[in-house]
Structures are given as C-alpha cells and as structure tokens.
C-alpha atoms as a PDB file:
ATOM      1  CA  UNK A   1       0.657 -24.565  32.912  1.00  0.00           C
ATOM      2  CA  UNK A   2      -0.480 -20.935  31.896  1.00  0.00           C
ATOM      3  CA  UNK A   3      -2.141 -17.973  34.095  1.00  0.00           C
ATOM      4  CA  UNK A   4      -4.420 -15.659  32.587  1.00  0.00           C
ATOM      5  CA  UNK A   5      -4.303 -12.466  34.478  1.00  0.00           C
ATOM      6  CA  UNK A   6      -7.317 -10.371  34.286  1.00  0.00           C
ATOM      7  CA  UNK A   7      -6.475  -6.668  35.369  1.00  0.00           C
ATOM      8  CA  UNK A   8     -10.414  -5.749  35.171  1.00  0.00           C
ATOM      9  CA  UNK A   9     -12.151  -5.007  38.013  1.00  0.00           C
ATOM     10  CA  UNK A  10     -15.316  -5.459  35.991  1.00  0.00           C
ATOM     11  CA  UNK A  11     -16.808  -8.297  34.376  1.00  0.00           C
ATOM     12  CA  UNK A  12     -16.946  -7.071  30.807  1.00  0.00           C
ATOM     13  CA  UNK A  13     -14.437  -6.941  27.901  1.00  0.00           C
ATOM     14  CA  UNK A  14     -11.302  -7.612  29.110  1.00  0.00           C
ATOM     15  CA  UNK A  15     -12.155 -10.709  31.058  1.00  0.00           C
ATOM     16  CA  UNK A  16     -13.952 -11.934  27.954  1.00  0.00           C
ATOM     17  CA  UNK A  17     -10.753 -11.735  25.614  1.00  0.00           C
ATOM     18  CA  UNK A  18      -8.777 -13.221  28.536  1.00  0.00           C
ATOM     19  CA  UNK A  19     -10.878 -16.546  28.610  1.00  0.00           C
ATOM     20  CA  UNK A  20     -10.903 -16.227  24.708  1.00  0.00           C
ATOM     21  CA  UNK A  21      -6.908 -16.485  24.799  1.00  0.00           C
ATOM     22  CA  UNK A  22      -7.207 -19.382  27.403  1.00  0.00           C
ATOM     23  CA  UNK A  23      -9.840 -21.457  25.721  1.00  0.00           C
ATOM     24  CA  UNK A  24      -7.557 -21.175  22.207  1.00  0.00           C
ATOM     25  CA  UNK A  25      -4.629 -22.705  24.715  1.00  0.00           C
ATOM     26  CA  UNK A  26      -6.854 -25.075  26.324  1.00  0.00           C
ATOM     27  CA  UNK A  27      -7.608 -26.208  22.383  1.00  0.00           C
ATOM     28  CA  UNK A  28      -4.221 -26.514  21.700  1.00  0.00           C
ATOM     29  CA  UNK A  29      -3.701 -28.546  24.654  1.00  0.00           C
ATOM     30  CA  UNK A  30      -2.304 -26.224  27.450  1.00  0.00           C
ATOM     31  CA  UNK A  31      -3.526 -26.497  30.844  1.00  0.00           C
ATOM     32  CA  UNK A  32      -4.904 -22.758  32.193  1.00  0.00           C
ATOM     33  CA  UNK A  33      -5.878 -21.015  35.284  1.00  0.00           C
ATOM     34  CA  UNK A  34      -7.607 -18.070  34.959  1.00  0.00           C
ATOM     35  CA  UNK A  35      -7.300 -15.152  38.122  1.00  0.00           C
ATOM     36  CA  UNK A  36      -9.050 -11.919  38.165  1.00  0.00           C
ATOM     37  CA  UNK A  37      -8.625  -9.082  40.083  1.00  0.00           C
ATOM     38  CA  UNK A  38     -12.213  -8.304  40.050  1.00  0.00           C
ATOM     39  CA  UNK A  39     -13.516  -8.434  44.006  1.00  0.00           C
ATOM     40  CA  UNK A  40     -10.035  -9.569  45.211  1.00  0.00           C
ATOM     41  CA  UNK A  41      -8.518  -8.052  48.239  1.00  0.00           C
ATOM     42  CA  UNK A  42      -5.251  -6.502  46.580  1.00  0.00           C
ATOM     43  CA  UNK A  43      -3.440  -3.792  48.534  1.00  0.00           C
ATOM     44  CA  UNK A  44      -0.735  -1.862  46.924  1.00  0.00           C
ATOM     45  CA  UNK A  45       3.203  -1.991  47.666  1.00  0.00           C
ATOM     46  CA  UNK A  46       4.510   0.573  49.855  1.00  0.00           C
ATOM     47  CA  UNK A  47       7.900  -0.490  49.116  1.00  0.00           C
ATOM     48  CA  UNK A  48       8.592  -1.117  52.752  1.00  0.00           C
ATOM     49  CA  UNK A  49      11.549  -3.792  51.827  1.00  0.00           C
ATOM     50  CA  UNK A  50       9.932  -6.626  54.201  1.00  0.00           C
ATOM     51  CA  UNK A  51      10.091  -8.390  51.291  1.00  0.00           C
ATOM     52  CA  UNK A  52      14.145  -8.252  50.833  1.00  0.00           C
ATOM     53  CA  UNK A  53      14.467  -9.273  54.830  1.00  0.00           C
ATOM     54  CA  UNK A  54      11.810 -12.310  55.113  1.00  0.00           C
ATOM     55  CA  UNK A  55      11.477 -13.386  51.598  1.00  0.00           C
ATOM     56  CA  UNK A  56       7.701 -12.461  51.671  1.00  0.00           C
ATOM     57  CA  UNK A  57       5.306  -9.835  51.685  1.00  0.00           C
ATOM     58  CA  UNK A  58       4.088  -8.566  54.723  1.00  0.00           C
ATOM     59  CA  UNK A  59       0.497  -8.102  53.265  1.00  0.00           C
ATOM     60  CA  UNK A  60      -1.828 -11.024  54.098  1.00  0.00           C
ATOM     61  CA  UNK A  61      -4.630 -10.895  51.212  1.00  0.00           C
ATOM     62  CA  UNK A  62      -5.556 -12.383  47.893  1.00  0.00           C
ATOM     63  CA  UNK A  63      -2.310 -11.934  46.127  1.00  0.00           C
ATOM     64  CA  UNK A  64      -1.024 -15.313  48.220  1.00  0.00           C
ATOM     65  CA  UNK A  65      -3.339 -17.049  45.727  1.00  0.00           C
ATOM     66  CA  UNK A  66      -1.858 -15.665  42.626  1.00  0.00           C
ATOM     67  CA  UNK A  67       1.698 -15.819  44.278  1.00  0.00           C
ATOM     68  CA  UNK A  68       0.909 -19.723  44.071  1.00  0.00           C
ATOM     69  CA  UNK A  69      -0.192 -19.506  40.641  1.00  0.00           C
ATOM     70  CA  UNK A  70       2.897 -17.607  39.346  1.00  0.00           C
ATOM     71  CA  UNK A  71       5.275 -19.926  40.868  1.00  0.00           C
ATOM     72  CA  UNK A  72       3.914 -23.113  39.345  1.00  0.00           C
ATOM     73  CA  UNK A  73       3.238 -21.384  35.668  1.00  0.00           C
ATOM     74  CA  UNK A  74       5.442 -21.923  32.477  1.00  0.00           C
ATOM     75  CA  UNK A  75       3.567 -19.062  30.984  1.00  0.00           C
ATOM     76  CA  UNK A  76       1.476 -15.927  32.094  1.00  0.00           C
ATOM     77  CA  UNK A  77      -1.096 -13.847  29.953  1.00  0.00           C
ATOM     78  CA  UNK A  78      -1.994 -10.510  31.330  1.00  0.00           C
ATOM     79  CA  UNK A  79      -5.026  -8.394  30.052  1.00  0.00           C
ATOM     80  CA  UNK A  80      -5.835  -5.012  31.155  1.00  0.00           C
ATOM     81  CA  UNK A  81      -8.723  -2.516  30.156  1.00  0.00           C
ATOM     82  CA  UNK A  82      -6.583   0.852  29.360  1.00  0.00           C
ATOM     83  CA  UNK A  83      -6.830   3.439  31.785  1.00  0.00           C
ATOM     84  CA  UNK A  84      -5.697   6.655  31.033  1.00  0.00           C
ATOM     85  CA  UNK A  85      -3.300   5.332  28.630  1.00  0.00           C
ATOM     86  CA  UNK A  86      -2.066   2.631  30.750  1.00  0.00           C
ATOM     87  CA  UNK A  87      -2.899  -0.269  32.759  1.00  0.00           C
ATOM     88  CA  UNK A  88      -5.428  -0.668  35.786  1.00  0.00           C
ATOM     89  CA  UNK A  89      -4.602   0.740  38.984  1.00  0.00           C
ATOM     90  CA  UNK A  90      -5.365  -2.939  40.450  1.00  0.00           C
ATOM     91  CA  UNK A  91      -3.151  -4.470  37.823  1.00  0.00           C
ATOM     92  CA  UNK A  92      -0.264  -2.260  38.624  1.00  0.00           C
ATOM     93  CA  UNK A  93      -0.556  -2.755  42.269  1.00  0.00           C
ATOM     94  CA  UNK A  94      -0.600  -6.725  41.461  1.00  0.00           C
ATOM     95  CA  UNK A  95       2.806  -6.012  39.444  1.00  0.00           C
ATOM     96  CA  UNK A  96       4.460  -3.808  42.127  1.00  0.00           C
ATOM     97  CA  UNK A  97       3.739  -6.940  44.756  1.00  0.00           C
ATOM     98  CA  UNK A  98       5.082  -9.480  42.517  1.00  0.00           C
ATOM     99  CA  UNK A  99       8.113  -7.800  43.691  1.00  0.00           C
ATOM    100  CA  UNK A 100       8.127 -10.282  46.884  1.00  0.00           C
ATOM    101  CA  UNK A 101       8.257 -13.351  44.723  1.00  0.00           C
ATOM    102  CA  UNK A 102      11.290 -12.258  42.859  1.00  0.00           C
ATOM    103  CA  UNK A 103      12.563 -11.231  46.739  1.00  0.00           C
ATOM    104  CA  UNK A 104      12.211 -14.772  47.890  1.00  0.00           C
ATOM    105  CA  UNK A 105      13.521 -16.566  44.459  1.00  0.00           C
ATOM    106  CA  UNK A 106      15.574 -14.031  42.043  1.00  0.00           C
ATOM    107  CA  UNK A 107      15.007 -16.719  39.188  1.00  0.00           C
ATOM    108  CA  UNK A 108      11.009 -17.160  40.104  1.00  0.00           C
ATOM    109  CA  UNK A 109      10.611 -16.139  36.926  1.00  0.00           C
ATOM    110  CA  UNK A 110      13.362 -17.399  34.839  1.00  0.00           C
ATOM    111  CA  UNK A 111      12.188 -18.889  31.192  1.00  0.00           C
ATOM    112  CA  UNK A 112       8.524 -18.158  31.662  1.00  0.00           C
ATOM    113  CA  UNK A 113       7.000 -16.604  28.632  1.00  0.00           C
ATOM    114  CA  UNK A 114       4.419 -13.534  28.817  1.00  0.00           C
ATOM    115  CA  UNK A 115       2.246 -12.222  26.671  1.00  0.00           C
ATOM    116  CA  UNK A 116       0.044  -9.053  26.406  1.00  0.00           C
ATOM    117  CA  UNK A 117      -3.804  -7.999  25.920  1.00  0.00           C
ATOM    118  CA  UNK A 118      -4.939  -4.384  26.217  1.00  0.00           C
ATOM    119  CA  UNK A 119      -8.573  -3.280  25.625  1.00  0.00           C
ATOM    120  CA  UNK A 120      -9.434   0.158  25.314  1.00  0.00           C
ATOM    121  CA  UNK A 121     -12.741   2.277  24.688  1.00  0.00           C
ATOM    122  CA  UNK A 122     -10.909   4.412  21.712  1.00  0.00           C
ATOM    123  CA  UNK A 123      -9.575   2.747  18.645  1.00  0.00           C
ATOM    124  CA  UNK A 124      -6.000   4.676  19.571  1.00  0.00           C
ATOM    125  CA  UNK A 125      -7.001   4.575  23.230  1.00  0.00           C
ATOM    126  CA  UNK A 126      -3.825   3.662  24.734  1.00  0.00           C
ATOM    127  CA  UNK A 127      -3.390  -0.073  24.052  1.00  0.00           C
ATOM    128  CA  UNK A 128      -0.175   0.096  23.220  1.00  0.00           C
ATOM    129  CA  UNK A 129       1.285   1.898  26.025  1.00  0.00           C
ATOM    130  CA  UNK A 130      -0.664  -0.038  28.530  1.00  0.00           C
ATOM    131  CA  UNK A 131       1.199  -3.405  26.941  1.00  0.00           C
ATOM    132  CA  UNK A 132       4.333  -1.787  26.897  1.00  0.00           C
ATOM    133  CA  UNK A 133       3.929  -1.541  30.814  1.00  0.00           C
ATOM    134  CA  UNK A 134       3.308  -5.117  30.991  1.00  0.00           C
ATOM    135  CA  UNK A 135       5.977  -5.901  28.644  1.00  0.00           C
ATOM    136  CA  UNK A 136       7.983  -3.769  30.807  1.00  0.00           C
ATOM    137  CA  UNK A 137       7.168  -5.765  34.082  1.00  0.00           C
ATOM    138  CA  UNK A 138       8.155  -9.053  32.205  1.00  0.00           C
ATOM    139  CA  UNK A 139      11.281  -7.915  30.845  1.00  0.00           C
ATOM    140  CA  UNK A 140      12.226  -6.551  34.447  1.00  0.00           C
ATOM    141  CA  UNK A 141      11.258  -9.815  36.320  1.00  0.00           C
ATOM    142  CA  UNK A 142      13.025 -12.211  33.766  1.00  0.00           C
ATOM    143  CA  UNK A 143       9.777 -13.091  31.760  1.00  0.00           C
ATOM    144  CA  UNK A 144      10.164 -13.507  28.216  1.00  0.00           C
ATOM    145  CA  UNK A 145       7.506 -11.199  26.222  1.00  0.00           C
ATOM    146  CA  UNK A 146       6.067 -12.588  23.088  1.00  0.00           C
ATOM    147  CA  UNK A 147       3.901 -10.410  20.636  1.00  0.00           C
ATOM    148  CA  UNK A 148       1.737 -11.928  17.896  1.00  0.00           C
ATOM    149  CA  UNK A 149       4.387 -10.079  15.371  1.00  0.00           C
ATOM    150  CA  UNK A 150       4.295  -7.618  12.628  1.00  0.00           C
ATOM    151  CA  UNK A 151       0.703  -7.004  10.689  1.00  0.00           C
ATOM    152  CA  UNK A 152      -1.637  -6.589  13.383  1.00  0.00           C
ATOM    153  CA  UNK A 153      -0.427  -7.704  16.821  1.00  0.00           C
ATOM    154  CA  UNK A 154       2.976  -5.694  17.150  1.00  0.00           C
ATOM    155  CA  UNK A 155       3.277  -5.863  20.669  1.00  0.00           C
ATOM    156  CA  UNK A 156       0.440  -8.365  21.191  1.00  0.00           C
ATOM    157  CA  UNK A 157      -3.480  -8.220  21.115  1.00  0.00           C
ATOM    158  CA  UNK A 158      -5.338  -5.246  21.182  1.00  0.00           C
ATOM    159  CA  UNK A 159      -8.818  -4.585  21.438  1.00  0.00           C
ATOM    160  CA  UNK A 160     -11.528  -1.784  20.789  1.00  0.00           C
ATOM    161  CA  UNK A 161     -14.292  -1.947  23.007  1.00  0.00           C
ATOM    162  CA  UNK A 162     -16.019   1.332  22.119  1.00  0.00           C
ATOM    163  CA  UNK A 163     -17.143   0.834  25.912  1.00  0.00           C
ATOM    164  CA  UNK A 164     -19.291  -2.048  25.007  1.00  0.00           C
ATOM    165  CA  UNK A 165     -18.830  -6.006  25.495  1.00  0.00           C
ATOM    166  CA  UNK A 166     -20.534  -6.476  21.951  1.00  0.00           C
ATOM    167  CA  UNK A 167     -18.174  -4.295  20.174  1.00  0.00           C
ATOM    168  CA  UNK A 168     -15.317  -6.166  21.662  1.00  0.00           C
ATOM    169  CA  UNK A 169     -17.260  -9.726  20.422  1.00  0.00           C
ATOM    170  CA  UNK A 170     -17.379  -8.103  17.004  1.00  0.00           C
ATOM    171  CA  UNK A 171     -13.853  -6.676  17.110  1.00  0.00           C
ATOM    172  CA  UNK A 172     -12.942  -8.724  14.103  1.00  0.00           C
ATOM    173  CA  UNK A 173      -9.048  -6.758  13.590  1.00  0.00           C
ATOM    174  CA  UNK A 174      -8.814  -7.275  17.656  1.00  0.00           C
ATOM    175  CA  UNK A 175      -9.407 -11.332  17.372  1.00  0.00           C
ATOM    176  CA  UNK A 176      -6.964 -11.349  14.462  1.00  0.00           C
ATOM    177  CA  UNK A 177      -4.421 -10.059  16.816  1.00  0.00           C
ATOM    178  CA  UNK A 178      -5.512 -12.297  19.804  1.00  0.00           C
ATOM    179  CA  UNK A 179      -5.338 -15.480  17.810  1.00  0.00           C
ATOM    180  CA  UNK A 180      -1.334 -14.447  16.004  1.00  0.00           C
ATOM    181  CA  UNK A 181      -0.439 -13.651  19.690  1.00  0.00           C
ATOM    182  CA  UNK A 182      -1.137 -16.748  20.899  1.00  0.00           C
ATOM    183  CA  UNK A 183       0.187 -18.609  18.350  1.00  0.00           C
ATOM    184  CA  UNK A 184       3.702 -17.145  19.138  1.00  0.00           C
ATOM    185  CA  UNK A 185       2.911 -17.433  22.759  1.00  0.00           C
ATOM    186  CA  UNK A 186       2.419 -21.178  22.408  1.00  0.00           C
ATOM    187  CA  UNK A 187       5.411 -21.977  20.106  1.00  0.00           C
ATOM    188  CA  UNK A 188       7.461 -19.831  22.701  1.00  0.00           C
ATOM    189  CA  UNK A 189       6.322 -22.044  25.443  1.00  0.00           C
ATOM    190  CA  UNK A 190       6.964 -25.211  23.415  1.00  0.00           C
ATOM    191  CA  UNK A 191      10.750 -24.015  22.941  1.00  0.00           C
ATOM    192  CA  UNK A 192      11.319 -23.164  26.392  1.00  0.00           C
ATOM    193  CA  UNK A 193      10.250 -26.126  27.591  1.00  0.00           C
ATOM    194  CA  UNK A 194      12.725 -27.949  25.723  1.00  0.00           C
ATOM    195  CA  UNK A 195      15.656 -25.839  27.201  1.00  0.00           C
ATOM    196  CA  UNK A 196      14.366 -25.941  30.541  1.00  0.00           C
ATOM    197  CA  UNK A 197      14.799 -29.964  30.250  1.00  0.00           C
END
C-alpha cells in the first residue's frame, strides 16, 4: 500500500497533483491511500521525549490515523506547497511528529520507498529546496528516496502553479517530472518488495 501525504492546508494545486500521482499508481495496480493535513488537528512536536519513554506520542490528535497508514505502507509520497523556500508548516509538524513512530520501532520505515512532489508559485520558487527537506526526512528515518532521474525530475516532481490550479493543470513539464518520478518509484517498490520476502 502507498500513502499519498498532501502537506497543503488548502484544496488546490498540491492536493490535485498528489491525487494525480496516486491515480497513476492505481493504474499500475498499486493500492493507495490519501491523507491530507487540510482540516486536520495536528499539533507540533515539542521534543518532550515522552515518545522515547512510552513508545508513543503524548499528543492525541489526527496523527493517529496517519501513524497507522505509515506503518502499513510500502511506499510514501509526500507533496508540499512551497512556503518560504521550504515545506509547509503543517507538513513540517507531521515530519517532526513521526519521531514517535521511530521511537516505538526503529525499523518502522525500513525498506519503504519515498518520493517527493513540490508545487511553487514561481518557476524557481524553492521547489527543489522543499523536496530536499522531504528527502532529508526520508534518509534520516530509513526510507529509501527515489527521484525521477536526470533530465527533468532530478530530485522529484516539481510544478509551477503561478498561484492557480489551472496553471498546474497545464504545466506539461511538471507532469513529465511527475510521470518520470512515479515510474522510478514504482520500479523501486517492486524491487524492495522482493528483498523483504
């Protein structure tokens, strides 16, 4: 199962491209689940170390649903709008709160595969910087990061929204990067699934 995690608090471009990625994977025969931070109650991590002692987060909120999805997933796609050259605040809270998962089980993310998508309002609006934050999260937690490769999807899928959903829908280069990234992601999922057996 693949989790598509949308880090946008709005139902606009980032949610749209996350769903497009999941639809591509559905067409390949993968089971997917969508989770959005939009409308969710997700508190931020205070680094209180409760999870280190009790193997769970002390904050009871909508992260509980995401925790279950992430534990069950073979692959994770994280998508974010670009906020000040990085990921959204809501997504950063999610990533920080995943500390509770690794505190409970250091191998919880082992052999899971991760892909990143970033949507920026400008052509060069921090998409790669935001993706690097996501890839760093993957690496630190043992998730294997996958990009679409050279020539258009170096770190992952990037979109130029011009601050409008219609612009994203018409972003041909963005969709090329998405298709390349999804293809490599699917190949990696199949490869690491064999290793786990």
